[in-house]
Amino acid sequence: RKLCKAQLCLATHHGASYIDASVENVTKDVVNGGFLVSLGNGQDLRAENVLVAAGVYSSVLPLLPEEVVVSLTGAQALLAEISAETAERLKGMPSMIYEGESE
């Protein structure tokens, strides 16, 4: 949550607009360029660029001009809380990414 809040703060600081509403449809504006965005609250707006951040739902929502094929893969993540003392002791250690055994 803090990461999303920080990214939103940074984006708006650099000129991005944030509108807290669901998007019903996005169409290319062939006359004026950019995109026409229809919101769930009935508001319509025009945008030069649109960022669709719907994850795996990007391919099933009517927001993209063509279908995006999304393949699902298994991934595991571990969130561990450690003490400040342990964090200080481990701060020089690299992170680790284990890709598993090759087939």
N, C-alpha and C. Protein backbone atom coordinates (compact mmCIF):
# COMPACT_ATOMS: atom_id res chain seq x y z
N ARG A 1 0.82 -1.19 0.00
CA ARG A 1 0.00 0.00 0.00
C ARG A 1 0.86 1.26 0.00
N LYS A 2 1.95 1.20 0.75
CA LYS A 2 2.83 2.37 0.79
C LYS A 2 3.48 2.60 -0.57
N LEU A 3 3.82 1.51 -1.27
CA LEU A 3 4.42 1.63 -2.60
C LEU A 3 3.44 2.29 -3.56
N CYS A 4 2.19 1.84 -3.57
CA CYS A 4 1.17 2.43 -4.45
C CYS A 4 0.97 3.91 -4.13
N LYS A 5 0.92 4.24 -2.85
CA LYS A 5 0.75 5.63 -2.44
C LYS A 5 1.94 6.47 -2.91
N ALA A 6 3.14 5.94 -2.78
CA ALA A 6 4.34 6.67 -3.21
C ALA A 6 4.35 6.85 -4.72
N GLN A 7 3.98 5.81 -5.47
CA GLN A 7 3.95 5.91 -6.92
C GLN A 7 2.90 6.92 -7.38
N LEU A 8 1.74 6.93 -6.74
CA LEU A 8 0.69 7.88 -7.07
C LEU A 8 1.16 9.31 -6.77
N CYS A 9 1.81 9.51 -5.65
CA CYS A 9 2.32 10.83 -5.28
C CYS A 9 3.35 11.30 -6.31
N LEU A 10 4.25 10.43 -6.70
CA LEU A 10 5.28 10.77 -7.68
C LEU A 10 4.66 11.09 -9.04
N ALA A 11 3.71 10.27 -9.47
CA ALA A 11 3.08 10.48 -10.77
C ALA A 11 2.32 11.81 -10.82
N THR A 12 1.52 12.09 -9.79
CA THR A 12 0.76 13.34 -9.78
C THR A 12 1.69 14.55 -9.66
N HIS A 13 2.78 14.38 -8.94
CA HIS A 13 3.77 15.46 -8.83
C HIS A 13 4.36 15.81 -10.20
N HIS A 14 4.45 14.83 -11.09
CA HIS A 14 5.01 15.04 -12.42
C HIS A 14 3.94 15.24 -13.49
N GLY A 15 2.72 15.57 -13.08
CA GLY A 15 1.71 15.97 -14.04
C GLY A 15 0.64 14.96 -14.38
N ALA A 16 0.71 13.76 -13.84
CA ALA A 16 -0.32 12.76 -14.12
C ALA A 16 -1.61 13.12 -13.37
N SER A 17 -2.73 12.72 -13.92
CA SER A 17 -4.02 12.92 -13.26
C SER A 17 -4.49 11.58 -12.71
N TYR A 18 -5.04 11.59 -11.52
CA TYR A 18 -5.58 10.38 -10.91
C TYR A 18 -7.07 10.58 -10.67
N ILE A 19 -7.87 9.70 -11.20
CA ILE A 19 -9.31 9.76 -11.03
C ILE A 19 -9.75 8.43 -10.41
N ASP A 20 -10.34 8.48 -9.25
CA ASP A 20 -10.75 7.28 -8.53
C ASP A 20 -12.12 6.85 -9.03
N ALA A 21 -12.14 6.10 -10.13
CA ALA A 21 -13.38 5.62 -10.73
C ALA A 21 -13.08 4.37 -11.56
N SER A 22 -14.08 3.53 -11.72
CA SER A 22 -13.89 2.35 -12.57
C SER A 22 -14.03 2.75 -14.03
N VAL A 23 -13.27 2.09 -14.88
CA VAL A 23 -13.31 2.36 -16.32
C VAL A 23 -14.18 1.31 -16.99
N GLU A 24 -15.14 1.77 -17.77
CA GLU A 24 -16.05 0.87 -18.48
C GLU A 24 -15.55 0.56 -19.89
N ASN A 25 -14.92 1.55 -20.54
CA ASN A 25 -14.51 1.35 -21.92
C ASN A 25 -13.42 2.35 -22.29
N VAL A 26 -12.51 1.91 -23.15
CA VAL A 26 -11.47 2.78 -23.70
C VAL A 26 -11.48 2.59 -25.21
N THR A 27 -11.60 3.70 -25.95
CA THR A 27 -11.56 3.62 -27.41
C THR A 27 -10.56 4.64 -27.94
N LYS A 28 -9.96 4.30 -29.07
CA LYS A 28 -9.01 5.20 -29.73
C LYS A 28 -9.79 6.34 -30.38
N ASP A 29 -9.35 7.57 -30.15
CA ASP A 29 -9.97 8.74 -30.76
C ASP A 29 -9.26 8.99 -32.09
N VAL A 30 -9.84 8.47 -33.19
CA VAL A 30 -9.20 8.55 -34.51
C VAL A 30 -9.25 9.97 -35.09
N VAL A 31 -10.16 10.80 -34.60
CA VAL A 31 -10.28 12.16 -35.11
C VAL A 31 -9.24 13.09 -34.48
N ASN A 32 -9.17 13.08 -33.15
CA ASN A 32 -8.29 14.01 -32.44
C ASN A 32 -7.02 13.36 -31.88
N GLY A 33 -6.90 12.05 -32.01
CA GLY A 33 -5.77 11.35 -31.40
C GLY A 33 -6.05 11.09 -29.94
N GLY A 34 -5.28 10.27 -29.34
CA GLY A 34 -5.47 9.92 -27.94
C GLY A 34 -6.57 8.89 -27.76
N PHE A 35 -7.22 8.94 -26.60
CA PHE A 35 -8.21 7.93 -26.25
C PHE A 35 -9.42 8.58 -25.61
N LEU A 36 -10.58 7.96 -25.81
CA LEU A 36 -11.80 8.34 -25.12
C LEU A 36 -12.05 7.30 -24.04
N VAL A 37 -12.25 7.75 -22.81
CA VAL A 37 -12.40 6.85 -21.67
C VAL A 37 -13.78 7.07 -21.06
N SER A 38 -14.56 6.01 -20.95
CA SER A 38 -15.88 6.06 -20.33
C SER A 38 -15.78 5.47 -18.93
N LEU A 39 -16.17 6.25 -17.94
CA LEU A 39 -16.08 5.82 -16.55
C LEU A 39 -17.40 5.27 -16.05
N GLY A 40 -17.32 4.47 -15.00
CA GLY A 40 -18.51 3.87 -14.42
C GLY A 40 -19.45 4.87 -13.80
N ASN A 41 -18.96 6.05 -13.45
CA ASN A 41 -19.82 7.08 -12.85
C ASN A 41 -20.53 7.93 -13.90
N GLY A 42 -20.41 7.54 -15.19
CA GLY A 42 -21.06 8.27 -16.27
C GLY A 42 -20.21 9.34 -16.92
N GLN A 43 -19.08 9.64 -16.32
CA GLN A 43 -18.19 10.67 -16.86
C GLN A 43 -17.40 10.12 -18.05
N ASP A 44 -17.22 10.94 -19.07
CA ASP A 44 -16.38 10.60 -20.21
C ASP A 44 -15.23 11.59 -20.24
N LEU A 45 -14.05 11.12 -20.58
CA LEU A 45 -12.91 12.01 -20.69
C LEU A 45 -11.99 11.58 -21.80
N ARG A 46 -11.12 12.49 -22.19
CA ARG A 46 -10.14 12.24 -23.24
C ARG A 46 -8.77 12.20 -22.60
N ALA A 47 -7.94 11.27 -23.06
CA ALA A 47 -6.59 11.14 -22.50
C ALA A 47 -5.58 10.95 -23.63
N GLU A 48 -4.41 11.52 -23.46
CA GLU A 48 -3.35 11.32 -24.45
C GLU A 48 -2.80 9.90 -24.34
N ASN A 49 -2.70 9.40 -23.12
CA ASN A 49 -2.21 8.05 -22.86
C ASN A 49 -3.07 7.41 -21.79
N VAL A 50 -3.16 6.10 -21.82
CA VAL A 50 -3.91 5.35 -20.83
C VAL A 50 -3.03 4.20 -20.35
N LEU A 51 -2.93 4.05 -19.05
CA LEU A 51 -2.20 2.94 -18.46
C LEU A 51 -3.22 1.95 -17.92
N VAL A 52 -3.24 0.74 -18.48
CA VAL A 52 -4.13 -0.31 -17.99
C VAL A 52 -3.32 -1.19 -17.06
N ALA A 53 -3.68 -1.19 -15.79
CA ALA A 53 -2.96 -1.97 -14.78
C ALA A 53 -3.94 -2.92 -14.12
N ALA A 54 -4.49 -3.82 -14.92
CA ALA A 54 -5.52 -4.75 -14.43
C ALA A 54 -4.98 -6.16 -14.23
N GLY A 55 -3.67 -6.32 -14.32
CA GLY A 55 -3.08 -7.64 -14.10
C GLY A 55 -3.62 -8.67 -15.07
N VAL A 56 -3.93 -9.86 -14.55
CA VAL A 56 -4.42 -10.93 -15.41
C VAL A 56 -5.79 -10.63 -16.01
N TYR A 57 -6.49 -9.63 -15.46
CA TYR A 57 -7.81 -9.27 -15.98
C TYR A 57 -7.70 -8.40 -17.22
N SER A 58 -6.51 -7.97 -17.59
CA SER A 58 -6.33 -7.11 -18.76
C SER A 58 -6.87 -7.74 -20.03
N SER A 59 -6.81 -9.06 -20.12
CA SER A 59 -7.26 -9.72 -21.35
C SER A 59 -8.76 -9.94 -21.40
N VAL A 60 -9.47 -9.83 -20.27
CA VAL A 60 -10.91 -10.08 -20.27
C VAL A 60 -11.75 -8.82 -20.14
N LEU A 61 -11.14 -7.73 -19.74
CA LEU A 61 -11.86 -6.46 -19.64
C LEU A 61 -11.84 -5.76 -20.99
N PRO A 62 -12.89 -4.99 -21.31
CA PRO A 62 -12.94 -4.33 -22.62
C PRO A 62 -12.14 -3.02 -22.64
N LEU A 63 -10.85 -3.12 -22.31
CA LEU A 63 -10.05 -1.91 -22.18
C LEU A 63 -8.92 -1.82 -23.20
N LEU A 64 -8.64 -2.89 -23.88
CA LEU A 64 -7.52 -2.91 -24.82
C LEU A 64 -8.02 -3.09 -26.25
N PRO A 65 -7.30 -2.54 -27.24
CA PRO A 65 -7.76 -2.65 -28.63
C PRO A 65 -7.67 -4.06 -29.19
N GLU A 66 -6.87 -4.90 -28.60
CA GLU A 66 -6.79 -6.29 -29.03
C GLU A 66 -6.50 -7.18 -27.83
N GLU A 67 -6.78 -8.45 -27.98
CA GLU A 67 -6.63 -9.39 -26.88
C GLU A 67 -5.17 -9.58 -26.52
N VAL A 68 -4.91 -9.65 -25.25
CA VAL A 68 -3.57 -9.94 -24.75
C VAL A 68 -3.61 -11.35 -24.18
N VAL A 69 -2.74 -12.21 -24.66
CA VAL A 69 -2.69 -13.58 -24.16
C VAL A 69 -1.81 -13.58 -22.91
N VAL A 70 -2.41 -13.98 -21.80
CA VAL A 70 -1.70 -14.02 -20.53
C VAL A 70 -1.59 -15.47 -20.11
N SER A 71 -0.37 -15.92 -19.91
CA SER A 71 -0.19 -17.28 -19.42
C SER A 71 0.10 -17.22 -17.93
N LEU A 72 -0.54 -18.08 -17.20
CA LEU A 72 -0.37 -18.12 -15.76
C LEU A 72 0.79 -19.02 -15.39
N THR A 73 1.59 -18.56 -14.48
CA THR A 73 2.69 -19.37 -13.96
C THR A 73 2.61 -19.35 -12.45
N GLY A 74 3.09 -20.38 -11.86
CA GLY A 74 3.11 -20.44 -10.41
C GLY A 74 4.28 -19.66 -9.86
N ALA A 75 4.05 -18.95 -8.82
CA ALA A 75 5.13 -18.21 -8.16
C ALA A 75 4.83 -18.20 -6.67
N GLN A 76 5.87 -18.22 -5.90
CA GLN A 76 5.72 -18.15 -4.46
C GLN A 76 6.55 -17.00 -3.94
N ALA A 77 6.02 -16.34 -2.95
CA ALA A 77 6.75 -15.25 -2.32
C ALA A 77 6.63 -15.42 -0.82
N LEU A 78 7.65 -15.00 -0.13
CA LEU A 78 7.66 -15.08 1.32
C LEU A 78 7.88 -13.69 1.87
N LEU A 79 6.99 -13.25 2.72
CA LEU A 79 7.15 -11.97 3.40
C LEU A 79 7.51 -12.29 4.84
N ALA A 80 8.69 -11.88 5.24
CA ALA A 80 9.15 -12.15 6.60
C ALA A 80 9.46 -10.84 7.29
N GLU A 81 9.00 -10.71 8.51
CA GLU A 81 9.31 -9.52 9.30
C GLU A 81 10.49 -9.85 10.20
N ILE A 82 11.47 -8.96 10.21
CA ILE A 82 12.65 -9.16 11.04
C ILE A 82 12.87 -7.92 11.90
N SER A 83 13.65 -8.10 12.93
CA SER A 83 13.92 -6.99 13.84
C SER A 83 14.85 -5.97 13.19
N ALA A 84 14.89 -4.78 13.73
CA ALA A 84 15.79 -3.74 13.23
C ALA A 84 17.25 -4.19 13.35
N GLU A 85 17.56 -4.90 14.41
CA GLU A 85 18.94 -5.39 14.60
C GLU A 85 19.31 -6.40 13.51
N THR A 86 18.40 -7.30 13.19
CA THR A 86 18.67 -8.29 12.15
C THR A 86 18.78 -7.61 10.79
N ALA A 87 17.91 -6.63 10.53
CA ALA A 87 17.97 -5.89 9.27
C ALA A 87 19.32 -5.19 9.13
N GLU A 88 19.80 -4.60 10.19
CA GLU A 88 21.11 -3.93 10.16
C GLU A 88 22.22 -4.93 9.89
N ARG A 89 22.13 -6.09 10.52
CA ARG A 89 23.16 -7.13 10.34
C ARG A 89 23.16 -7.68 8.92
N LEU A 90 22.00 -7.74 8.28
CA LEU A 90 21.87 -8.35 6.95
C LEU A 90 21.87 -7.34 5.80
N LYS A 91 21.99 -6.05 6.08
CA LYS A 91 21.82 -5.04 5.03
C LYS A 91 22.80 -5.17 3.88
N GLY A 92 23.95 -5.78 4.08
CA GLY A 92 24.92 -5.95 3.00
C GLY A 92 24.71 -7.21 2.18
N MET A 93 23.76 -8.02 2.58
CA MET A 93 23.51 -9.29 1.88
C MET A 93 22.69 -9.03 0.61
N PRO A 94 23.00 -9.73 -0.47
CA PRO A 94 22.20 -9.57 -1.70
C PRO A 94 20.86 -10.29 -1.56
N SER A 95 19.88 -9.86 -2.35
CA SER A 95 18.62 -10.59 -2.40
C SER A 95 18.86 -11.86 -3.22
N MET A 96 17.96 -12.82 -3.10
CA MET A 96 18.14 -14.08 -3.80
C MET A 96 16.89 -14.39 -4.61
N ILE A 97 17.09 -14.78 -5.84
CA ILE A 97 16.00 -15.25 -6.70
C ILE A 97 16.35 -16.66 -7.13
N TYR A 98 15.51 -17.62 -6.75
CA TYR A 98 15.73 -19.02 -7.09
C TYR A 98 14.78 -19.38 -8.21
N GLU A 99 15.28 -19.77 -9.37
CA GLU A 99 14.45 -20.09 -10.53
C GLU A 99 14.02 -21.55 -10.58
N GLY A 100 14.53 -22.38 -9.74
CA GLY A 100 14.16 -23.80 -9.73
C GLY A 100 15.08 -24.60 -10.64
N GLU A 101 14.83 -25.89 -10.67
CA GLU A 101 15.64 -26.79 -11.48
C GLU A 101 15.27 -26.67 -12.95
N SER A 102 16.27 -26.69 -13.81
CA SER A 102 15.97 -26.66 -15.26
C SER A 102 15.55 -28.05 -15.69
N GLU A 103 14.68 -28.10 -16.67
CA GLU A 103 14.17 -29.40 -17.14
C GLU A 103 14.99 -29.93 -18.30
